[in-house]
N, C-alpha and C. Protein backbone atom coordinates (compact mmCIF):
# COMPACT_ATOMS: atom_id res chain seq x y z
N MET A 1 -20.93 5.74 -31.94
CA MET A 1 -19.07 5.73 -31.87
C MET A 1 -18.17 6.37 -30.63
N GLU A 2 -17.44 5.42 -30.25
CA GLU A 2 -16.55 5.60 -29.05
C GLU A 2 -15.90 6.95 -28.92
N PRO A 3 -15.77 7.43 -28.00
CA PRO A 3 -14.91 8.63 -27.82
C PRO A 3 -13.51 8.40 -27.76
N THR A 4 -12.75 9.16 -28.26
CA THR A 4 -11.31 8.58 -28.33
C THR A 4 -10.51 9.51 -26.68
N PRO A 5 -9.95 8.30 -26.58
CA PRO A 5 -9.09 8.38 -24.90
C PRO A 5 -8.13 9.72 -25.18
N PRO A 6 -8.14 10.12 -23.93
CA PRO A 6 -7.15 11.32 -24.23
C PRO A 6 -5.45 10.63 -24.51
N PRO A 7 -4.73 11.01 -24.52
CA PRO A 7 -3.29 10.67 -25.56
C PRO A 7 -2.55 10.39 -23.98
N THR A 8 -1.58 9.17 -23.70
CA THR A 8 -1.02 9.13 -22.26
C THR A 8 0.03 10.37 -22.40
N SER A 9 0.28 10.72 -21.13
CA SER A 9 1.52 11.66 -21.44
C SER A 9 3.10 10.58 -21.36
N ALA A 10 3.75 11.47 -21.60
CA ALA A 10 5.00 11.04 -21.11
C ALA A 10 5.19 10.69 -19.46
N ARG A 11 5.21 11.62 -18.68
CA ARG A 11 5.20 11.09 -17.09
C ARG A 11 4.59 9.49 -16.86
N ASP A 12 2.78 9.42 -17.48
CA ASP A 12 2.32 8.55 -17.29
C ASP A 12 2.96 7.31 -17.68
N ALA A 13 3.78 7.38 -19.26
CA ALA A 13 3.63 6.49 -19.50
C ALA A 13 5.45 5.73 -19.03
N LEU A 14 6.05 6.61 -18.40
CA LEU A 14 7.06 6.62 -17.42
C LEU A 14 6.65 5.46 -16.07
N LEU A 15 5.65 6.37 -15.53
CA LEU A 15 5.20 5.76 -14.38
C LEU A 15 4.77 4.52 -14.33
N ARG A 16 3.65 3.98 -15.22
CA ARG A 16 3.46 2.71 -15.64
C ARG A 16 4.44 1.81 -15.98
N ALA A 17 5.86 2.14 -17.08
CA ALA A 17 6.56 1.67 -17.06
C ALA A 17 7.64 1.40 -15.66
N ALA A 18 7.59 2.38 -14.85
CA ALA A 18 8.39 1.89 -13.83
C ALA A 18 7.70 1.01 -12.54
N SER A 19 6.48 1.09 -12.65
CA SER A 19 5.58 -0.15 -12.02
C SER A 19 5.59 -0.84 -12.33
N GLU A 20 5.77 -1.27 -13.58
CA GLU A 20 5.89 -2.88 -14.64
C GLU A 20 7.07 -3.08 -13.89
N GLU A 21 8.03 -2.20 -14.08
CA GLU A 21 9.49 -2.92 -13.57
C GLU A 21 10.10 -3.17 -12.23
N LEU A 22 9.32 -2.36 -11.69
CA LEU A 22 9.15 -2.92 -10.09
C LEU A 22 8.43 -4.02 -9.63
N ALA A 23 7.03 -4.34 -10.62
CA ALA A 23 6.33 -5.82 -9.76
C ALA A 23 7.14 -6.69 -10.90
N GLU A 24 8.06 -6.69 -11.78
CA GLU A 24 8.42 -7.72 -12.42
C GLU A 24 10.32 -8.34 -11.44
N LYS A 25 10.84 -7.04 -11.20
CA LYS A 25 11.70 -7.04 -11.09
C LYS A 25 12.37 -7.04 -9.37
N GLY A 26 11.48 -6.08 -8.52
CA GLY A 26 12.06 -5.69 -7.45
C GLY A 26 12.53 -4.23 -7.63
N HIS A 27 12.75 -3.34 -6.47
CA HIS A 27 13.26 -1.93 -6.59
C HIS A 27 14.58 -1.60 -6.55
N ALA A 28 15.38 -2.69 -5.96
CA ALA A 28 16.67 -2.82 -6.69
C ALA A 28 17.28 -3.07 -7.98
N SER A 29 16.38 -3.26 -8.80
CA SER A 29 16.83 -3.34 -10.54
C SER A 29 15.89 -2.47 -11.47
N VAL A 30 15.12 -1.15 -10.39
CA VAL A 30 14.84 -0.52 -11.55
C VAL A 30 15.77 0.97 -12.04
N SER A 31 15.77 0.97 -13.35
CA SER A 31 16.78 1.93 -13.49
C SER A 31 15.94 2.84 -14.56
N LEU A 32 16.75 4.01 -14.63
CA LEU A 32 16.16 4.68 -15.42
C LEU A 32 16.24 4.58 -16.87
N ARG A 33 17.29 4.20 -17.52
CA ARG A 33 17.24 3.35 -18.93
C ARG A 33 16.24 2.39 -19.12
N ALA A 34 16.29 1.43 -18.27
CA ALA A 34 15.18 0.23 -18.42
C ALA A 34 13.94 1.14 -18.69
N VAL A 35 13.35 2.21 -17.87
CA VAL A 35 12.12 2.51 -17.53
C VAL A 35 11.94 3.09 -18.78
N ALA A 36 12.93 4.30 -19.59
CA ALA A 36 12.71 4.61 -20.33
C ALA A 36 12.56 3.70 -21.60
N ARG A 37 13.36 2.37 -21.91
CA ARG A 37 13.18 1.51 -22.77
C ARG A 37 11.79 1.11 -22.63
N ARG A 38 11.44 0.74 -21.53
CA ARG A 38 9.80 -0.04 -21.76
C ARG A 38 8.77 0.82 -21.95
N ALA A 39 8.97 2.49 -21.93
CA ALA A 39 8.03 3.29 -22.13
C ALA A 39 8.22 3.51 -23.65
N ASN A 40 9.17 3.97 -24.38
CA ASN A 40 9.05 3.70 -25.81
C ASN A 40 9.53 5.41 -25.43
N VAL A 41 10.33 6.11 -24.67
CA VAL A 41 11.07 7.19 -24.52
C VAL A 41 12.44 7.51 -24.52
N SER A 42 12.69 8.52 -24.82
CA SER A 42 14.47 9.06 -25.14
C SER A 42 15.03 8.44 -23.54
N HIS A 43 16.30 8.25 -23.70
CA HIS A 43 16.55 7.88 -22.34
C HIS A 43 17.16 8.89 -21.56
N ALA A 44 16.87 10.29 -22.11
CA ALA A 44 16.70 11.79 -21.46
C ALA A 44 15.47 11.83 -20.26
N ALA A 45 14.04 11.16 -20.68
CA ALA A 45 12.97 11.85 -20.17
C ALA A 45 12.85 11.36 -19.07
N PRO A 46 12.96 10.24 -18.37
CA PRO A 46 12.97 9.74 -16.90
C PRO A 46 13.83 10.92 -16.32
N ALA A 47 14.83 11.63 -16.45
CA ALA A 47 15.27 12.84 -15.57
C ALA A 47 15.07 14.19 -16.14
N HIS A 48 14.06 14.14 -17.20
CA HIS A 48 13.50 15.65 -17.60
C HIS A 48 12.46 15.59 -16.33
N PHE A 49 11.35 14.24 -16.30
CA PHE A 49 9.95 14.25 -15.33
C PHE A 49 10.53 14.63 -13.97
N PHE A 50 11.37 13.37 -13.61
CA PHE A 50 11.69 13.50 -11.84
C PHE A 50 13.37 13.67 -11.69
N GLY A 51 14.08 13.89 -12.44
CA GLY A 51 15.26 14.61 -11.95
C GLY A 51 16.54 13.42 -11.88
N ASP A 52 16.03 12.32 -11.33
CA ASP A 52 16.71 11.03 -10.93
C ASP A 52 16.37 10.33 -10.81
N ARG A 53 16.97 9.10 -10.48
CA ARG A 53 16.29 7.39 -9.97
C ARG A 53 15.33 7.56 -8.62
N ALA A 54 15.53 8.13 -7.78
CA ALA A 54 14.88 8.06 -6.37
C ALA A 54 13.42 9.21 -6.16
N GLY A 55 13.81 10.00 -7.69
CA GLY A 55 12.37 11.01 -7.57
C GLY A 55 11.82 10.13 -8.67
N MET A 56 11.84 9.27 -9.31
CA MET A 56 10.89 8.72 -10.11
C MET A 56 10.61 7.70 -9.43
N LEU A 57 11.13 6.90 -8.20
CA LEU A 57 10.61 5.63 -7.66
C LEU A 57 9.85 6.65 -6.38
N THR A 58 10.36 7.69 -6.06
CA THR A 58 9.20 8.49 -5.03
C THR A 58 8.02 8.57 -5.46
N ALA A 59 7.94 8.93 -7.05
CA ALA A 59 6.51 9.40 -8.08
C ALA A 59 5.98 7.61 -7.87
N VAL A 60 6.76 6.91 -8.10
CA VAL A 60 5.73 5.89 -8.12
C VAL A 60 5.14 5.31 -6.76
N ALA A 61 6.30 5.53 -5.84
CA ALA A 61 5.86 5.63 -4.04
C ALA A 61 4.55 6.14 -4.12
N THR A 62 4.29 7.06 -4.54
CA THR A 62 3.08 8.34 -3.97
C THR A 62 2.08 7.50 -4.75
N ALA A 63 2.35 7.56 -5.98
CA ALA A 63 1.01 7.03 -6.53
C ALA A 63 0.44 5.19 -5.99
N GLY A 64 1.73 4.76 -5.49
CA GLY A 64 1.02 3.71 -4.36
C GLY A 64 0.32 4.28 -3.28
N PHE A 65 0.57 4.88 -2.51
CA PHE A 65 -0.24 5.30 -1.18
C PHE A 65 -1.44 5.97 -2.09
N ASP A 66 -1.36 6.73 -3.12
CA ASP A 66 -2.80 6.69 -3.85
C ASP A 66 -3.62 5.93 -3.94
N GLN A 67 -2.80 4.64 -4.23
CA GLN A 67 -3.84 3.75 -4.68
C GLN A 67 -4.51 2.55 -3.55
N LEU A 68 -3.19 3.22 -2.62
CA LEU A 68 -3.41 2.37 -1.06
C LEU A 68 -4.71 2.97 -0.79
N ASP A 69 -5.41 4.09 -1.01
CA ASP A 69 -5.98 5.32 0.04
C ASP A 69 -7.45 4.86 -1.03
N ALA A 70 -7.17 4.40 -2.24
CA ALA A 70 -8.51 4.13 -2.84
C ALA A 70 -9.20 2.73 -2.50
N ALA A 71 -8.47 2.06 -2.33
CA ALA A 71 -8.57 0.85 -1.93
C ALA A 71 -9.21 0.58 -0.72
N LEU A 72 -8.86 1.32 0.36
CA LEU A 72 -9.43 1.36 1.63
C LEU A 72 -10.55 2.28 1.80
N ALA A 73 -10.56 3.59 0.80
CA ALA A 73 -11.70 4.21 0.92
C ALA A 73 -12.79 3.41 0.17
N ALA A 74 -12.52 2.29 -0.82
CA ALA A 74 -13.81 1.37 -1.45
C ALA A 74 -14.06 0.46 -0.39
N ALA A 75 -13.30 0.10 0.68
CA ALA A 75 -13.39 -1.11 1.61
C ALA A 75 -14.24 -0.03 2.74
N ALA A 76 -14.14 0.68 3.04
CA ALA A 76 -15.20 1.32 3.62
C ALA A 76 -16.32 1.79 3.16
N ILE A 77 -16.34 2.21 2.49
CA ILE A 77 -18.09 2.36 1.61
C ILE A 77 -18.69 0.73 1.20
N ARG A 78 -17.93 -0.59 1.33
CA ARG A 78 -19.04 -1.43 1.21
C ARG A 78 -18.74 -2.37 2.51
N GLU A 79 -18.10 -1.28 3.78
CA GLU A 79 -17.94 -2.07 5.11
C GLU A 79 -19.41 -1.54 5.30
N GLY A 80 -20.54 -0.75 4.72
CA GLY A 80 -21.85 -0.61 5.25
C GLY A 80 -22.77 -1.54 4.87
N ASP A 81 -22.75 -2.40 4.14
CA ASP A 81 -23.12 -3.74 3.82
C ASP A 81 -22.94 -5.00 4.33
N ALA A 82 -21.50 -4.76 4.79
CA ALA A 82 -21.55 -6.13 5.57
C ALA A 82 -21.38 -6.17 7.19
N ASP A 83 -21.03 -7.56 7.70
CA ASP A 83 -21.27 -7.32 9.02
C ASP A 83 -20.15 -7.63 9.56
N GLU A 84 -19.00 -5.99 9.35
CA GLU A 84 -17.69 -5.99 10.06
C GLU A 84 -17.63 -4.79 10.28
N SER A 85 -16.87 -4.38 11.21
CA SER A 85 -16.64 -3.03 11.70
C SER A 85 -15.81 -2.52 10.69
N PRO A 86 -15.49 -0.97 10.53
CA PRO A 86 -14.82 -0.30 9.45
C PRO A 86 -13.56 -0.63 9.94
N LEU A 87 -12.83 -0.75 11.06
CA LEU A 87 -11.83 -1.32 11.38
C LEU A 87 -10.78 -2.14 10.76
N ALA A 88 -12.01 -3.72 10.46
CA ALA A 88 -11.85 -4.86 10.25
C ALA A 88 -11.88 -4.48 8.79
N ALA A 89 -12.83 -4.06 8.01
CA ALA A 89 -12.77 -3.48 6.79
C ALA A 89 -11.41 -3.09 6.05
N LEU A 90 -10.78 -2.20 6.84
CA LEU A 90 -10.13 -1.36 6.66
C LEU A 90 -8.12 -2.16 6.61
N GLY A 91 -8.40 -2.78 7.94
CA GLY A 91 -7.50 -4.13 7.49
C GLY A 91 -7.30 -5.11 7.11
N ARG A 92 -8.77 -5.42 6.03
CA ARG A 92 -8.69 -6.55 5.13
C ARG A 92 -8.19 -6.29 3.98
N ALA A 93 -8.62 -4.79 3.83
CA ALA A 93 -8.05 -4.05 2.87
C ALA A 93 -6.79 -4.04 2.46
N TYR A 94 -5.81 -3.13 3.73
CA TYR A 94 -4.58 -3.35 3.83
C TYR A 94 -4.02 -4.44 3.50
N VAL A 95 -4.56 -5.70 3.95
CA VAL A 95 -3.89 -6.64 4.05
C VAL A 95 -3.61 -7.26 2.38
N ASP A 96 -4.92 -7.07 1.39
CA ASP A 96 -5.30 -7.89 0.46
C ASP A 96 -4.71 -6.95 -0.33
N PHE A 97 -4.18 -5.50 -0.48
CA PHE A 97 -3.40 -4.66 -1.15
C PHE A 97 -2.08 -5.32 -1.18
N GLY A 98 -1.48 -5.05 0.37
CA GLY A 98 -0.15 -5.72 0.39
C GLY A 98 0.57 -7.15 -0.34
N LEU A 99 -1.06 -7.89 -0.38
CA LEU A 99 -0.44 -9.09 -1.05
C LEU A 99 -0.48 -9.05 -2.41
N GLU A 100 -1.24 -8.32 -2.77
CA GLU A 100 -1.26 -8.22 -4.48
C GLU A 100 -0.30 -7.15 -5.11
N HIS A 101 0.43 -6.31 -4.16
CA HIS A 101 1.12 -5.56 -4.44
C HIS A 101 2.51 -5.46 -3.92
N PRO A 102 2.98 -6.90 -3.97
CA PRO A 102 4.03 -6.65 -3.06
C PRO A 102 5.44 -5.97 -3.02
N ALA A 103 6.12 -5.80 -4.30
CA ALA A 103 7.15 -5.04 -4.69
C ALA A 103 6.68 -3.48 -4.39
N LEU A 104 5.39 -3.04 -5.02
CA LEU A 104 5.46 -1.88 -4.90
C LEU A 104 5.49 -1.20 -3.08
N VAL A 105 4.75 -1.90 -2.25
CA VAL A 105 4.51 -1.82 -1.06
C VAL A 105 5.85 -1.85 -0.50
N ASP A 106 6.47 -3.07 -0.59
CA ASP A 106 8.13 -2.66 -0.02
C ASP A 106 8.79 -1.75 -0.53
N LEU A 107 8.27 -1.18 -1.89
CA LEU A 107 9.02 0.50 -1.89
C LEU A 107 8.55 1.43 -1.26
N MET A 108 7.20 1.46 -0.73
CA MET A 108 6.49 2.53 -0.36
C MET A 108 6.92 2.48 0.80
N PHE A 109 7.60 1.64 0.93
CA PHE A 109 8.44 1.72 2.93
C PHE A 109 9.42 1.88 3.17
N ARG A 110 10.30 1.90 1.90
CA ARG A 110 11.75 1.67 1.99
C ARG A 110 12.52 3.30 2.01
N ARG A 111 12.59 3.82 3.07
CA ARG A 111 13.28 5.09 2.87
C ARG A 111 14.62 5.57 2.20
N SER A 112 15.19 4.67 2.38
CA SER A 112 16.40 4.34 1.66
C SER A 112 16.48 4.24 0.06
N GLU A 113 15.14 4.20 -1.12
CA GLU A 113 15.26 4.41 -1.72
C GLU A 113 14.34 5.53 -2.38
N LEU A 114 14.07 6.71 -1.46
CA LEU A 114 12.91 7.98 -1.99
C LEU A 114 13.54 9.13 -1.23
N ASN A 115 12.62 9.52 -2.21
CA ASN A 115 12.97 11.19 -0.79
C ASN A 115 12.07 11.22 0.02
N ALA A 116 12.71 10.87 1.05
CA ALA A 116 11.45 10.91 2.33
C ALA A 116 10.78 12.27 2.81
N ASP A 117 11.61 13.19 2.38
CA ASP A 117 10.84 14.92 2.21
C ASP A 117 9.85 15.57 1.27
N ASP A 118 9.52 14.07 0.60
CA ASP A 118 8.67 15.22 -1.04
C ASP A 118 7.45 15.15 -0.25
N ASP A 119 7.00 16.43 -0.70
CA ASP A 119 5.46 16.59 0.25
C ASP A 119 4.62 16.08 -0.78
N ALA A 120 4.70 15.58 -2.15
CA ALA A 120 3.41 14.65 -2.58
C ALA A 120 3.74 13.76 -1.71
N LEU A 121 4.61 13.25 -1.60
CA LEU A 121 4.64 11.72 -0.59
C LEU A 121 4.14 11.68 0.57
N ILE A 122 4.85 12.64 1.37
CA ILE A 122 3.85 12.55 2.62
C ILE A 122 2.39 12.77 2.89
N GLU A 123 2.17 13.64 2.19
CA GLU A 123 0.45 13.79 2.03
C GLU A 123 -0.23 12.78 1.52
N ALA A 124 0.16 12.16 0.33
CA ALA A 124 -0.33 10.59 0.36
C ALA A 124 0.05 9.52 1.26
N GLN A 125 1.04 9.50 2.18
CA GLN A 125 0.72 8.54 3.12
C GLN A 125 0.15 9.26 4.37
N ARG A 126 -0.11 10.04 4.24
CA ARG A 126 -1.12 10.85 5.91
C ARG A 126 -2.41 10.64 5.26
N GLY A 127 -2.70 10.35 3.61
CA GLY A 127 -4.20 10.39 3.26
C GLY A 127 -4.67 8.80 3.78
N ALA A 128 -3.64 7.84 3.36
CA ALA A 128 -3.99 6.90 3.01
C ALA A 128 -4.12 6.24 4.74
N LEU A 129 -2.87 6.53 5.73
CA LEU A 129 -2.74 5.99 7.07
C LEU A 129 -3.90 6.71 7.99
N GLY A 130 -4.13 7.94 7.48
CA GLY A 130 -5.42 8.71 8.38
C GLY A 130 -6.53 7.91 8.32
N ARG A 131 -6.64 7.37 6.93
CA ARG A 131 -8.11 6.68 6.87
C ARG A 131 -8.02 5.34 8.50
N LEU A 132 -6.95 4.91 8.54
CA LEU A 132 -6.80 4.02 9.74
C LEU A 132 -6.76 4.34 10.85
N ARG A 133 -6.36 5.65 10.63
CA ARG A 133 -6.16 6.71 11.78
C ARG A 133 -7.87 7.18 12.73
N THR A 134 -8.86 7.14 11.74
CA THR A 134 -9.96 7.56 11.92
C THR A 134 -10.85 6.82 12.21
N ALA A 135 -10.83 5.21 11.64
CA ALA A 135 -11.26 4.00 11.68
C ALA A 135 -10.98 3.64 13.36
N VAL A 136 -9.87 4.00 14.19
CA VAL A 136 -9.21 3.56 15.23
C VAL A 136 -10.00 4.62 15.87
N GLY A 137 -10.16 6.07 15.59
CA GLY A 137 -10.95 6.76 16.72
C GLY A 137 -12.16 6.68 17.34
N ASP A 138 -12.80 5.75 16.06
CA ASP A 138 -14.03 5.72 16.15
C ASP A 138 -14.60 4.64 17.16
N VAL A 139 -13.55 3.72 17.29
CA VAL A 139 -13.56 2.66 18.12
C VAL A 139 -13.08 2.52 19.44
N ALA A 140 -11.98 3.32 19.51
CA ALA A 140 -10.60 3.27 20.52
C ALA A 140 -11.22 4.50 21.60
N ASP A 141 -11.53 3.96 22.81
CA ASP A 141 -12.10 4.93 24.11
C ASP A 141 -10.56 6.07 24.56
N ALA A 142 -9.41 5.40 24.17
CA ALA A 142 -8.36 6.57 24.50
C ALA A 142 -7.26 5.99 24.21
N HIS A 143 -6.13 6.86 24.09
CA HIS A 143 -4.90 6.73 23.56
C HIS A 143 -5.38 6.13 21.82
N ALA A 144 -5.88 7.16 20.68
CA ALA A 144 -6.30 6.68 19.79
C ALA A 144 -4.99 6.98 18.48
N ASP A 145 -4.38 7.68 18.82
CA ASP A 145 -3.11 7.78 18.09
C ASP A 145 -1.94 6.79 18.26
N GLU A 146 -2.20 5.90 19.77
CA GLU A 146 -1.25 4.90 20.02
C GLU A 146 -1.63 3.87 19.40
N TRP A 147 -3.26 3.31 19.16
CA TRP A 147 -3.63 2.39 18.49
C TRP A 147 -3.78 2.67 17.13
N SER A 148 -3.81 3.56 16.98
CA SER A 148 -3.58 3.47 14.95
C SER A 148 -2.44 2.76 15.02
N LEU A 149 -1.52 3.31 15.53
CA LEU A 149 -0.09 3.25 14.80
C LEU A 149 0.46 1.27 15.08
N LEU A 150 -0.67 1.20 16.27
CA LEU A 150 -0.48 -0.37 16.34
C LEU A 150 -1.14 -1.23 15.57
N SER A 151 -2.33 -0.73 15.04
CA SER A 151 -3.35 -1.41 14.27
C SER A 151 -2.40 -1.49 12.40
N TRP A 152 -1.88 -0.52 12.52
CA TRP A 152 -0.83 -0.24 11.35
C TRP A 152 0.28 -1.37 11.29
N ALA A 153 1.08 -1.46 12.64
CA ALA A 153 1.55 -2.08 12.85
C ALA A 153 1.22 -3.68 12.41
N VAL A 154 0.37 -4.09 12.93
CA VAL A 154 -0.50 -5.07 12.81
C VAL A 154 -0.92 -5.94 11.41
N VAL A 155 -1.26 -4.84 10.72
CA VAL A 155 -1.71 -4.99 9.36
C VAL A 155 -0.09 -5.41 8.25
N HIS A 156 0.66 -4.37 8.73
CA HIS A 156 1.90 -4.35 7.58
C HIS A 156 2.56 -5.83 7.80
N GLY A 157 2.23 -6.07 9.31
CA GLY A 157 3.51 -7.61 10.00
C GLY A 157 2.95 -8.53 9.43
N LEU A 158 1.62 -8.52 9.14
CA LEU A 158 0.96 -9.99 8.53
C LEU A 158 0.91 -9.97 7.55
N VAL A 159 1.10 -8.88 6.58
CA VAL A 159 1.02 -8.83 4.77
C VAL A 159 3.04 -9.73 5.02
N SER A 160 4.02 -8.76 5.70
CA SER A 160 4.91 -9.02 5.54
C SER A 160 5.39 -10.66 6.20
N LEU A 161 4.79 -11.43 7.15
CA LEU A 161 4.67 -12.83 7.54
C LEU A 161 3.88 -13.85 6.35
N VAL A 162 2.45 -12.71 5.62
CA VAL A 162 2.27 -14.22 5.17
C VAL A 162 3.77 -14.19 3.64
N ARG A 163 3.98 -12.90 3.00
CA ARG A 163 4.48 -13.01 2.23
C ARG A 163 6.02 -14.17 2.29
N GLU A 164 6.71 -13.77 3.45
CA GLU A 164 7.80 -14.56 4.26
C GLU A 164 7.24 -16.40 4.18
N GLY A 165 6.12 -16.32 4.48
CA GLY A 165 5.77 -17.79 4.57
C GLY A 165 6.05 -18.31 5.70
N VAL A 166 6.25 -17.23 6.56
CA VAL A 166 6.46 -17.63 7.90
C VAL A 166 5.36 -17.81 8.49
N LEU A 167 4.18 -17.01 8.56
CA LEU A 167 2.92 -17.25 9.03
C LEU A 167 2.43 -18.73 8.93
N ALA A 168 2.28 -19.43 7.51
CA ALA A 168 2.21 -20.68 7.15
C ALA A 168 2.91 -21.73 8.06
N ARG A 169 3.96 -21.34 8.07
CA ARG A 169 5.31 -22.31 8.54
C ARG A 169 4.66 -22.69 10.07
N ILE A 170 4.78 -21.21 10.67
CA ILE A 170 4.56 -21.42 12.12
C ILE A 170 3.32 -22.01 12.79
N VAL A 171 1.78 -21.79 11.97
CA VAL A 171 0.62 -22.48 12.30
C VAL A 171 0.66 -23.68 11.41
N GLU A 172 1.55 -24.41 10.91
CA GLU A 172 1.84 -25.44 10.50
C GLU A 172 0.57 -25.68 9.12
N GLN A 173 0.20 -24.40 8.53
CA GLN A 173 -0.49 -24.39 7.30
C GLN A 173 0.12 -24.52 5.67
N ASP A 174 -0.70 -24.98 4.51
CA ASP A 174 -0.63 -24.75 3.29
C ASP A 174 -0.27 -23.57 3.41
N PRO A 175 0.51 -22.91 2.57
CA PRO A 175 0.48 -21.41 2.19
C PRO A 175 -0.41 -20.60 1.99
N ASP A 176 -1.10 -21.61 0.90
CA ASP A 176 -2.21 -20.50 0.12
C ASP A 176 -3.11 -20.92 1.37
N ALA A 177 -3.42 -21.04 2.30
CA ALA A 177 -4.26 -20.75 3.21
C ALA A 177 -4.14 -19.45 4.08
N ALA A 178 -2.93 -19.12 3.99
CA ALA A 178 -2.17 -18.21 4.28
C ALA A 178 -2.80 -16.62 4.76
N PRO A 179 -3.15 -16.47 3.43
CA PRO A 179 -3.66 -15.12 3.66
C PRO A 179 -5.31 -14.98 4.34
N ALA A 180 -5.91 -16.10 4.15
CA ALA A 180 -7.43 -15.97 4.66
C ALA A 180 -7.07 -15.97 6.18
N LEU A 181 -6.15 -16.70 6.98
CA LEU A 181 -5.75 -16.51 8.24
C LEU A 181 -5.44 -14.91 8.10
N ALA A 182 -4.65 -14.69 7.93
CA ALA A 182 -4.11 -13.13 8.00
C ALA A 182 -5.31 -12.24 8.15
N ARG A 183 -6.38 -12.51 7.46
CA ARG A 183 -7.72 -11.74 7.30
C ARG A 183 -8.69 -12.01 8.39
N ARG A 184 -8.23 -13.18 8.86
CA ARG A 184 -9.22 -13.51 9.93
C ARG A 184 -8.08 -13.33 11.13
N LEU A 185 -7.90 -13.08 11.30
CA LEU A 185 -6.69 -12.40 12.54
C LEU A 185 -6.84 -10.91 12.08
N VAL A 186 -6.73 -10.36 11.32
CA VAL A 186 -7.19 -9.30 11.41
C VAL A 186 -8.57 -8.54 11.99
N GLU A 187 -9.72 -9.53 12.18
CA GLU A 187 -10.80 -9.54 12.21
C GLU A 187 -11.11 -9.65 13.80
N VAL A 188 -10.16 -10.68 14.46
CA VAL A 188 -9.89 -10.86 15.75
C VAL A 188 -9.26 -9.65 16.21
N TYR A 189 -8.51 -8.77 15.67
CA TYR A 189 -7.62 -7.55 16.20
C TYR A 189 -8.48 -6.66 16.76
N ALA A 190 -9.19 -6.64 15.62
CA ALA A 190 -10.09 -5.07 15.37
C ALA A 190 -11.10 -5.67 16.81
N ALA A 191 -12.00 -6.44 16.83
CA ALA A 191 -13.15 -7.02 18.01
C ALA A 191 -12.57 -6.83 19.18
N GLY A 192 -11.20 -6.71 19.28
CA GLY A 192 -10.35 -6.73 20.45
C GLY A 192 -9.88 -5.37 21.19
N VAL A 193 -9.75 -4.14 19.91
CA VAL A 193 -9.44 -2.86 19.96
C VAL A 193 -10.24 -2.35 20.53
N ALA A 194 -11.31 -2.00 20.88
CA ALA A 194 -12.18 -1.19 22.01
C ALA A 194 -12.13 -1.18 23.04
N PRO A 195 -12.33 -2.97 23.54
CA PRO A 195 -12.17 -3.29 25.14
C PRO A 195 -11.29 -2.96 25.30
N ALA A 196 -9.95 -3.71 24.68
CA ALA A 196 -8.75 -3.43 24.98
C ALA A 196 -8.51 -1.93 25.13
N SER A 197 -8.92 -0.45 24.52
CA SER A 197 -8.30 0.47 24.69
C SER A 197 -8.85 1.11 25.94
N ARG A 198 -10.04 0.69 26.62
CA ARG A 198 -10.67 1.14 27.63
C ARG A 198 -9.69 0.55 28.98
N SER A 199 -9.07 -0.18 28.83
CA SER A 199 -8.32 -0.75 29.91
C SER A 199 -6.84 0.29 30.25
């Protein structure tokens, strides 16, 4: 007999409902009432757990950074079995995550919608992006902090260019080919970080 899974808490149900609303409608259309209705809880429940809309979206964004961190950690483990650098593996995982969860990533970096000074959010941000910093530090001989910021800007920028269709237009390719091109550009960039950091 299969064990009975633990009951889902109202807070977890609200977070899941908010994430679903976000994915379907975008951050601007997420409301406390709509989330409560989707979670099948009272209209007062979101305010009870999160305070207000910004608090709820901050919790969703925090969970998003935790998911990104898990995706990057998994990529770092898989890298040991592949013929690619840790930096390239993390960069490709970032691109894949961004393209798979576009509305979530948009929210995660939209300070105007979040409580940007929330301790849990800051910790989750540092955890996820710290993996990129470590990978850059392993290959960059100098200016590792600057190279880690540049590396994040590259992968985040590639996600945006693919999502907006700009990358495909510039290179005159089928839009469906753009994600593969973005991953290839990550590999090219990662291969150049160490030599460039020495100059």
